[in-house]
Protein backbone atom coordinates (compact mmCIF):
# COMPACT_ATOMS: atom_id res chain seq x y z
CA MET A 1 33.54 196.32 45.73
CA ARG A 2 30.06 195.78 44.19
CA PRO A 3 28.18 199.02 43.54
CA GLN A 4 25.34 199.64 45.97
CA LEU A 5 21.74 200.42 45.02
CA LYS A 6 21.50 203.20 47.66
CA ILE A 7 20.58 206.59 46.23
CA ILE A 8 20.69 209.01 49.18
CA THR A 9 24.41 209.28 50.11
CA VAL A 10 26.65 212.20 51.01
CA SER A 11 28.53 212.01 47.65
CA ASN A 12 25.20 211.80 45.67
CA ILE A 13 23.84 214.85 47.48
CA ILE A 14 27.04 216.78 46.66
CA SER A 15 26.66 215.81 42.95
CA PHE A 16 23.01 216.90 43.12
CA ILE A 17 24.17 220.36 44.50
CA ARG A 18 26.39 220.67 41.45
CA LEU A 19 23.41 219.97 39.20
CA LEU A 20 21.38 222.70 40.96
CA ILE A 21 24.02 225.22 40.38
CA ALA A 22 22.92 225.23 36.67
CA PHE A 23 19.67 226.98 37.55
CA PRO A 24 20.96 230.32 38.90
CA LEU A 25 23.45 230.27 35.97
CA LEU A 26 20.54 230.28 33.50
CA PHE A 27 19.49 233.66 35.00
CA LEU A 28 23.04 235.08 35.23
CA PHE A 29 23.57 234.38 31.52
CA LYS A 30 20.21 235.66 30.32
CA ASP A 31 21.64 238.67 28.45
CA ASN A 32 24.85 240.54 27.93
CA ASN A 33 24.13 243.16 30.57
CA THR A 34 23.36 240.59 33.26
CA PHE A 35 26.38 238.47 32.23
CA ASN A 36 28.79 241.44 32.40
CA SER A 37 27.35 242.57 35.82
CA TYR A 38 27.66 239.14 37.42
CA ARG A 39 30.92 237.71 36.01
CA ILE A 40 32.53 237.36 39.46
CA LEU A 41 29.44 235.65 40.85
CA ILE A 42 29.45 233.23 37.96
CA VAL A 43 33.09 232.42 38.56
CA PHE A 44 32.33 231.90 42.28
CA LEU A 45 29.56 229.43 41.44
CA LEU A 46 31.85 227.55 39.06
CA ILE A 47 34.53 227.27 41.71
CA ILE A 48 31.92 225.72 44.03
CA ALA A 49 30.89 223.37 41.24
CA PHE A 50 34.55 222.31 40.76
CA ILE A 51 34.96 221.69 44.51
CA THR A 52 31.85 219.53 44.54
CA ASP A 53 33.15 217.62 41.50
CA VAL A 54 36.36 216.69 43.34
CA MET A 55 34.56 215.98 46.60
CA ASP A 56 31.81 213.62 45.37
CA GLY A 57 34.07 211.02 43.84
CA TYR A 58 36.58 211.14 46.72
CA LEU A 59 33.83 210.77 49.37
CA ALA A 60 32.09 207.95 47.44
CA ARG A 61 35.30 205.95 47.48
CA LYS A 62 36.34 206.95 50.98
CA ARG A 63 33.01 206.13 52.57
CA GLY A 64 32.29 203.04 50.42
CA GLU A 65 29.27 204.78 48.80
CA VAL A 66 29.99 203.98 45.15
CA THR A 67 26.47 203.42 43.71
CA GLU A 68 24.94 202.95 40.26
CA PHE A 69 22.96 206.14 40.85
CA GLY A 70 26.17 208.00 41.71
CA LYS A 71 27.67 206.80 38.38
CA ILE A 72 24.77 208.52 36.65
CA ILE A 73 24.28 211.69 38.64
CA ASP A 74 28.00 212.65 38.66
CA PRO A 75 28.47 212.77 34.77
CA VAL A 76 24.96 214.17 34.31
CA ALA A 77 25.70 217.06 36.69
CA ASP A 78 28.92 217.76 34.80
CA LYS A 79 27.22 217.62 31.35
CA VAL A 80 24.22 219.78 32.39
CA LEU A 81 26.48 222.40 33.96
CA VAL A 82 28.82 222.47 31.02
CA PHE A 83 25.96 222.56 28.50
CA VAL A 84 24.22 225.54 30.28
CA ILE A 85 27.45 227.51 30.30
CA VAL A 86 28.55 226.59 26.71
CA PHE A 87 25.03 227.18 25.26
CA SER A 88 24.73 230.53 27.13
CA LEU A 89 28.16 231.74 25.98
CA PHE A 90 27.31 230.62 22.45
CA LEU A 91 24.05 232.66 22.45
CA LEU A 92 25.97 235.63 23.87
CA HIS A 93 28.53 235.31 20.97
CA GLU A 94 31.34 234.72 23.55
CA LEU A 95 32.13 231.18 22.29
CA PRO A 96 33.31 230.20 18.76
CA ASN A 97 30.66 228.28 16.84
CA TYR A 98 32.91 225.34 16.04
CA LEU A 99 33.84 224.89 19.67
CA PHE A 100 30.20 224.86 20.73
CA TRP A 101 29.46 222.00 18.28
CA VAL A 102 32.61 220.05 19.32
CA ILE A 103 31.56 220.12 22.99
CA LEU A 104 27.94 219.40 22.21
CA LEU A 105 28.72 216.48 19.98
CA ARG A 106 31.13 215.02 22.51
CA ASP A 107 28.52 215.01 25.20
CA LEU A 108 25.82 213.66 22.87
CA LEU A 109 28.02 210.81 21.73
CA ILE A 110 28.99 209.81 25.24
CA LEU A 111 25.36 210.11 26.37
CA ILE A 112 24.14 207.91 23.51
CA GLY A 113 26.99 205.45 24.10
CA GLY A 114 26.22 205.30 27.84
CA ILE A 115 22.51 204.55 27.11
CA ILE A 116 23.43 201.71 24.74
CA PHE A 117 25.97 200.35 27.22
CA SER A 118 23.46 200.47 30.10
CA LEU A 119 20.75 198.77 28.05
CA LYS A 120 23.16 196.06 26.96
CA LEU A 121 24.75 195.21 30.32
CA LYS A 122 22.34 196.69 32.83
CA LYS A 123 25.27 198.63 34.29
CA VAL A 124 26.53 202.24 34.17
CA LEU A 125 29.96 202.93 32.76
CA PRO A 126 31.50 205.36 35.32
CA SER A 127 33.48 208.49 34.42
CA ASN A 128 37.22 207.94 34.02
CA LEU A 129 40.27 210.23 34.42
CA ILE A 130 40.43 211.25 30.83
CA GLY A 131 36.81 212.40 30.96
CA LYS A 132 37.45 214.41 34.13
CA ILE A 133 40.58 215.98 32.62
CA THR A 134 38.55 216.92 29.54
CA VAL A 135 35.83 218.57 31.58
CA PHE A 136 38.47 220.39 33.67
CA ILE A 137 40.18 221.82 30.52
CA ILE A 138 36.85 222.87 29.03
CA GLY A 139 35.87 224.33 32.35
CA PHE A 140 39.14 226.31 32.61
CA LEU A 141 38.59 227.60 29.10
CA LEU A 142 35.06 228.68 29.95
CA MET A 143 36.38 230.38 33.11
CA THR A 144 38.81 232.43 31.16
CA ILE A 145 36.06 233.51 28.72
CA ILE A 146 33.80 234.48 31.60
CA LEU A 147 36.67 236.51 33.13
CA GLY A 148 37.01 238.40 29.88
CA ILE A 149 40.40 237.11 28.69
CA ASP A 150 41.73 238.76 25.47
CA LYS A 151 40.90 236.26 22.74
CA GLU A 152 44.07 237.12 20.86
CA LEU A 153 46.27 235.77 23.62
CA TRP A 154 48.10 232.51 22.95
CA VAL A 155 46.67 231.01 26.21
CA TYR A 156 43.11 231.34 24.92
CA LYS A 157 43.98 229.74 21.54
CA TYR A 158 45.98 227.01 23.26
CA LEU A 159 43.02 226.14 25.59
CA ILE A 160 40.69 225.88 22.58
CA TYR A 161 43.02 223.53 20.77
CA LEU A 162 43.50 221.53 23.98
CA SER A 163 39.69 221.35 24.51
CA ILE A 164 39.07 220.10 21.00
CA LEU A 165 41.91 217.51 21.29
CA PHE A 166 40.73 216.12 24.60
CA SER A 167 37.13 216.10 23.51
CA ILE A 168 38.09 213.70 20.64
CA ILE A 169 40.28 211.64 22.94
CA SER A 170 37.71 211.29 25.67
CA VAL A 171 35.09 210.03 23.17
CA LEU A 172 37.54 207.45 21.66
CA ALA A 173 38.57 206.40 25.22
CA TYR A 174 34.93 206.00 26.22
CA LEU A 175 34.20 203.89 23.17
CA ILE A 176 37.23 201.64 23.76
CA ARG A 177 36.29 201.13 27.48
CA ALA A 178 32.73 200.33 26.55
CA ILE A 179 33.80 197.72 23.92
CA GLU A 180 36.27 196.15 26.27
CA ALA A 181 33.68 195.97 29.11
CA ILE A 182 31.09 194.31 26.74
CA LYS A 183 33.69 191.80 25.54
CA TRP A 184 34.72 191.05 29.18
CA SER A 185 31.08 190.55 30.11
CA LYS A 186 30.45 188.26 27.21
CA ASN A 187 33.55 186.16 27.99
CA GLU A 188 32.47 185.83 31.59
CA SER A 189 28.98 184.77 30.56
CA ASP A 190 30.43 182.18 28.17
CA LYS A 191 32.64 180.87 30.96
CA ILE A 192 29.67 180.46 33.33
CA THR A 193 27.63 178.77 30.59
CA GLU A 194 30.45 176.36 29.81
CA PHE A 195 30.89 175.59 33.49
CA TYR A 196 27.21 174.48 33.92
CA LYS A 197 27.44 172.45 30.77
CA ASN A 198 30.24 170.45 32.25
């Protein structure tokens, strides 16, 4: 099904709601006292964000509302939300420095790659399963930190290793998909050119 140009759809509105959740989080993470006082509220907002993340993609496919704008707003909402949380936890010294940079570099590389891809093909490369799994793992790790998990537990260390591993895999997977899409587009263009020559 060809992506639609329509912007205002139910799925896109749900993605936009997830994007808006980032704003109250900025206040809730403003200092250690506020953060410690509102940990449960933060977790509640993250659960809502997770639900919207599941719903928007499902509804877009179910209702036939897959749009180019939706392919943009969905990952942007994910990245903005994750960045706000990661950066805030980094400033509060709740997140290891190296993990902050891994997550930041992952999002920057995918963002730059997405811009290059869009400029080249005039299309948006949508999120894939590996990307969604990566965001889920990172989100789950952030959730455990917000809930105050003991950082000496093996679960915490396992989630950090898993977050780093999937961050690397997701960037490589995105790069491979982009290269394959560009090659496919070029082959199709060559076939059309050859057809009209004959």
